[in-house]
Amino acid sequence: MTTPHPDPLTLDVIELIGAVVARYHEEYDRAAADHALTGAQARVLSLLSVDPMPMRKVARTLKCEPSNITGIVDRLELRGLVERRPDPADRRVKLAAPTEEGHRTARQLRDALGFAREPLAELSEEERTVLRDLLRRMLGTQREA
């Protein structure tokens, strides 16, 4: 039994999706290196600068193991960029949150990004909506807008 080969259009779309992801990560990694951070550390710091959160939520958001996030947060904490503090809603839970220096670094990281900061900048709102809906459909995660 032979496996059908994707048509040229499908191959082109798959290649372009891969190129977008690669360009995003390459640019993020370059900006991170300018601050002596790994790409993963920069992504965690950027995420926390938007919303301090428990490390389990960071792991879920970034789709990685909680133990990996613990190590990343430990290293960010040693650099003085992140701190652990009690969650005001549940004092048994610790939140990872950026320090002032962490906020400053996250801002500098974001400012250093071009494409990775706004990869959809060249698309209209209508085009972004269509793209979002198509990606949700591809992933089987359709939901009401």
C-alpha atoms as a PDB file:
ATOM      1  CA  MET A   1       0.000   0.000   0.000  1.00  0.00           C
ATOM      2  CA  THR A   2       1.475   3.352  -1.016  1.00  0.00           C
ATOM      3  CA  THR A   3       1.110   6.510   0.970  1.00  0.00           C
ATOM      4  CA  PRO A   4      -0.253   9.389  -1.100  1.00  0.00           C
ATOM      5  CA  HIS A   5       2.208  12.246  -1.526  1.00  0.00           C
ATOM      6  CA  PRO A   6       1.024  15.742  -0.642  1.00  0.00           C
ATOM      7  CA  ASP A   7       0.298  17.984  -3.587  1.00  0.00           C
ATOM      8  CA  PRO A   8       2.721  20.856  -4.396  1.00  0.00           C
ATOM      9  CA  LEU A   9       0.438  23.475  -2.815  1.00  0.00           C
ATOM     10  CA  THR A  10       0.274  21.532   0.459  1.00  0.00           C
ATOM     11  CA  LEU A  11       4.059  21.115   0.467  1.00  0.00           C
ATOM     12  CA  ASP A  12       4.478  24.844  -0.151  1.00  0.00           C
ATOM     13  CA  VAL A  13       2.127  25.744   2.727  1.00  0.00           C
ATOM     14  CA  ILE A  14       3.879  23.318   5.091  1.00  0.00           C
ATOM     15  CA  GLU A  15       7.269  24.745   4.126  1.00  0.00           C
ATOM     16  CA  LEU A  16       6.033  28.314   4.669  1.00  0.00           C
ATOM     17  CA  ILE A  17       4.587  27.470   8.098  1.00  0.00           C
ATOM     18  CA  GLY A  18       7.946  25.962   9.033  1.00  0.00           C
ATOM     19  CA  ALA A  19       9.772  29.050   7.752  1.00  0.00           C
ATOM     20  CA  VAL A  20       7.577  31.369   9.858  1.00  0.00           C
ATOM     21  CA  VAL A  21       8.227  29.289  12.994  1.00  0.00           C
ATOM     22  CA  ALA A  22      11.973  29.067  12.284  1.00  0.00           C
ATOM     23  CA  ARG A  23      12.277  32.814  11.625  1.00  0.00           C
ATOM     24  CA  TYR A  24      10.378  33.598  14.846  1.00  0.00           C
ATOM     25  CA  HIS A  25      12.637  31.355  16.944  1.00  0.00           C
ATOM     26  CA  GLU A  26      15.869  32.497  15.259  1.00  0.00           C
ATOM     27  CA  GLU A  27      15.069  36.143  15.897  1.00  0.00           C
ATOM     28  CA  TYR A  28      13.990  35.457  19.472  1.00  0.00           C
ATOM     29  CA  ASP A  29      17.160  33.450  20.136  1.00  0.00           C
ATOM     30  CA  ARG A  30      19.341  36.257  18.716  1.00  0.00           C
ATOM     31  CA  ALA A  31      17.666  38.876  20.916  1.00  0.00           C
ATOM     32  CA  ALA A  32      17.979  36.573  23.937  1.00  0.00           C
ATOM     33  CA  ALA A  33      21.692  35.994  23.298  1.00  0.00           C
ATOM     34  CA  ASP A  34      22.258  39.765  23.399  1.00  0.00           C
ATOM     35  CA  HIS A  35      21.126  39.572  27.043  1.00  0.00           C
ATOM     36  CA  ALA A  36      23.062  36.351  27.782  1.00  0.00           C
ATOM     37  CA  LEU A  37      19.788  34.408  27.905  1.00  0.00           C
ATOM     38  CA  THR A  38      18.659  31.291  26.113  1.00  0.00           C
ATOM     39  CA  GLY A  39      15.619  31.527  23.872  1.00  0.00           C
ATOM     40  CA  ALA A  40      13.633  29.520  26.419  1.00  0.00           C
ATOM     41  CA  GLN A  41      14.642  31.862  29.249  1.00  0.00           C
ATOM     42  CA  ALA A  42      13.654  34.874  27.161  1.00  0.00           C
ATOM     43  CA  ARG A  43      10.255  33.357  26.313  1.00  0.00           C
ATOM     44  CA  VAL A  44       9.549  32.564  29.982  1.00  0.00           C
ATOM     45  CA  LEU A  45      10.615  36.058  31.062  1.00  0.00           C
ATOM     46  CA  SER A  46       8.473  37.653  28.356  1.00  0.00           C
ATOM     47  CA  LEU A  47       5.469  35.542  29.318  1.00  0.00           C
ATOM     48  CA  LEU A  48       5.850  36.397  33.011  1.00  0.00           C
ATOM     49  CA  SER A  49       6.218  40.103  32.244  1.00  0.00           C
ATOM     50  CA  VAL A  50       2.681  40.026  30.856  1.00  0.00           C
ATOM     51  CA  ASP A  51       1.188  38.030  33.721  1.00  0.00           C
ATOM     52  CA  PRO A  52       2.974  36.508  36.738  1.00  0.00           C
ATOM     53  CA  MET A  53       1.842  32.903  37.089  1.00  0.00           C
ATOM     54  CA  PRO A  54       2.523  29.562  38.762  1.00  0.00           C
ATOM     55  CA  MET A  55       5.203  27.532  37.041  1.00  0.00           C
ATOM     56  CA  ARG A  56       2.728  24.770  36.142  1.00  0.00           C
ATOM     57  CA  LYS A  57       0.737  27.312  34.142  1.00  0.00           C
ATOM     58  CA  VAL A  58       3.923  28.519  32.434  1.00  0.00           C
ATOM     59  CA  ALA A  59       4.674  24.894  31.502  1.00  0.00           C
ATOM     60  CA  ARG A  60       1.149  24.374  30.123  1.00  0.00           C
ATOM     61  CA  THR A  61       1.293  27.637  28.171  1.00  0.00           C
ATOM     62  CA  LEU A  62       4.673  26.801  26.631  1.00  0.00           C
ATOM     63  CA  LYS A  63       3.793  23.104  26.287  1.00  0.00           C
ATOM     64  CA  CYS A  64       6.772  21.749  28.185  1.00  0.00           C
ATOM     65  CA  GLU A  65       7.523  19.832  31.360  1.00  0.00           C
ATOM     66  CA  PRO A  66       7.113  21.668  34.699  1.00  0.00           C
ATOM     67  CA  SER A  67      10.600  20.520  35.742  1.00  0.00           C
ATOM     68  CA  ASN A  68      12.064  22.362  32.728  1.00  0.00           C
ATOM     69  CA  ILE A  69      10.281  25.554  33.772  1.00  0.00           C
ATOM     70  CA  THR A  70      11.540  25.155  37.336  1.00  0.00           C
ATOM     71  CA  GLY A  71      15.126  25.054  36.048  1.00  0.00           C
ATOM     72  CA  ILE A  72      14.570  28.054  33.787  1.00  0.00           C
ATOM     73  CA  VAL A  73      12.962  30.077  36.593  1.00  0.00           C
ATOM     74  CA  ASP A  74      15.801  29.053  38.951  1.00  0.00           C
ATOM     75  CA  ARG A  75      18.360  30.463  36.479  1.00  0.00           C
ATOM     76  CA  LEU A  76      16.323  33.631  35.907  1.00  0.00           C
ATOM     77  CA  GLU A  77      16.030  34.063  39.667  1.00  0.00           C
ATOM     78  CA  LEU A  78      19.817  33.716  40.092  1.00  0.00           C
ATOM     79  CA  ARG A  79      20.217  36.525  37.536  1.00  0.00           C
ATOM     80  CA  GLY A  80      17.813  38.734  39.521  1.00  0.00           C
ATOM     81  CA  LEU A  81      15.252  38.774  36.689  1.00  0.00           C
ATOM     82  CA  VAL A  82      12.497  36.720  38.340  1.00  0.00           C
ATOM     83  CA  GLU A  83      11.292  36.125  41.870  1.00  0.00           C
ATOM     84  CA  ARG A  84       8.887  33.676  43.459  1.00  0.00           C
ATOM     85  CA  ARG A  85       6.124  35.193  45.568  1.00  0.00           C
ATOM     86  CA  PRO A  86       2.862  34.028  47.149  1.00  0.00           C
ATOM     87  CA  ASP A  87      -0.255  34.181  45.001  1.00  0.00           C
ATOM     88  CA  PRO A  88      -2.610  36.744  46.597  1.00  0.00           C
ATOM     89  CA  ALA A  89      -5.572  34.521  45.665  1.00  0.00           C
ATOM     90  CA  ASP A  90      -4.062  31.380  47.266  1.00  0.00           C
ATOM     91  CA  ARG A  91      -1.053  31.871  49.525  1.00  0.00           C
ATOM     92  CA  ARG A  92      -0.150  28.162  49.188  1.00  0.00           C
ATOM     93  CA  VAL A  93       0.701  28.779  45.514  1.00  0.00           C
ATOM     94  CA  LYS A  94       3.916  30.505  44.450  1.00  0.00           C
ATOM     95  CA  LEU A  95       3.891  32.790  41.420  1.00  0.00           C
ATOM     96  CA  ALA A  96       6.912  33.381  39.241  1.00  0.00           C
ATOM     97  CA  ALA A  97       7.071  37.114  38.586  1.00  0.00           C
ATOM     98  CA  PRO A  98       9.622  39.424  36.992  1.00  0.00           C
ATOM     99  CA  THR A  99      11.621  41.809  39.131  1.00  0.00           C
ATOM    100  CA  GLU A 100      12.043  45.420  38.003  1.00  0.00           C
ATOM    101  CA  GLU A 101      15.210  44.340  36.196  1.00  0.00           C
ATOM    102  CA  GLY A 102      13.225  41.463  34.659  1.00  0.00           C
ATOM    103  CA  HIS A 103      10.565  43.864  33.371  1.00  0.00           C
ATOM    104  CA  ARG A 104      13.283  46.110  31.932  1.00  0.00           C
ATOM    105  CA  THR A 105      14.996  43.148  30.226  1.00  0.00           C
ATOM    106  CA  ALA A 106      11.693  41.827  28.842  1.00  0.00           C
ATOM    107  CA  ARG A 107      10.978  45.291  27.396  1.00  0.00           C
ATOM    108  CA  GLN A 108      14.435  45.435  25.818  1.00  0.00           C
ATOM    109  CA  LEU A 109      13.957  41.963  24.357  1.00  0.00           C
ATOM    110  CA  ARG A 110      10.637  42.957  22.847  1.00  0.00           C
ATOM    111  CA  ASP A 111      12.073  46.179  21.449  1.00  0.00           C
ATOM    112  CA  ALA A 112      14.890  44.204  19.769  1.00  0.00           C
ATOM    113  CA  LEU A 113      12.418  42.014  17.873  1.00  0.00           C
ATOM    114  CA  GLY A 114      11.110  42.867  14.442  1.00  0.00           C
ATOM    115  CA  PHE A 115       9.313  40.008  12.750  1.00  0.00           C
ATOM    116  CA  ALA A 116       9.005  37.975  15.981  1.00  0.00           C
ATOM    117  CA  ARG A 117       7.347  40.896  17.788  1.00  0.00           C
ATOM    118  CA  GLU A 118       4.605  41.248  15.164  1.00  0.00           C
ATOM    119  CA  PRO A 119       4.788  38.340  12.699  1.00  0.00           C
ATOM    120  CA  LEU A 120       1.306  39.182  11.413  1.00  0.00           C
ATOM    121  CA  ALA A 121       1.928  42.914  10.977  1.00  0.00           C
ATOM    122  CA  GLU A 122       1.573  42.759   7.192  1.00  0.00           C
ATOM    123  CA  LEU A 123      -1.881  41.146   7.423  1.00  0.00           C
ATOM    124  CA  SER A 124      -5.167  43.010   7.769  1.00  0.00           C
ATOM    125  CA  GLU A 125      -7.519  42.197  10.635  1.00  0.00           C
ATOM    126  CA  GLU A 126      -9.696  40.252   8.203  1.00  0.00           C
ATOM    127  CA  GLU A 127      -6.688  38.233   6.995  1.00  0.00           C
ATOM    128  CA  ARG A 128      -5.576  37.529  10.577  1.00  0.00           C
ATOM    129  CA  THR A 129      -9.089  36.340  11.423  1.00  0.00           C
ATOM    130  CA  VAL A 130      -9.171  34.010   8.409  1.00  0.00           C
ATOM    131  CA  LEU A 131      -5.691  32.677   9.264  1.00  0.00           C
ATOM    132  CA  ARG A 132      -6.679  32.120  12.908  1.00  0.00           C
ATOM    133  CA  ASP A 133      -9.824  30.277  11.905  1.00  0.00           C
ATOM    134  CA  LEU A 134      -7.985  28.103   9.379  1.00  0.00           C
ATOM    135  CA  LEU A 135      -5.272  27.216  11.901  1.00  0.00           C
ATOM    136  CA  ARG A 136      -7.897  26.345  14.510  1.00  0.00           C
ATOM    137  CA  ARG A 137      -9.632  24.153  11.959  1.00  0.00           C
ATOM    138  CA  MET A 138      -6.349  22.426  11.073  1.00  0.00           C
ATOM    139  CA  LEU A 139      -5.648  21.781  14.760  1.00  0.00           C
ATOM    140  CA  GLY A 140      -9.226  20.779  15.571  1.00  0.00           C
ATOM    141  CA  THR A 141      -9.602  23.567  18.116  1.00  0.00           C
ATOM    142  CA  GLN A 142     -12.419  25.535  16.565  1.00  0.00           C
ATOM    143  CA  ARG A 143     -14.386  27.730  18.912  1.00  0.00           C
ATOM    144  CA  GLU A 144     -16.709  30.688  18.809  1.00  0.00           C
ATOM    145  CA  ALA A 145     -15.021  34.043  18.380  1.00  0.00           C
END
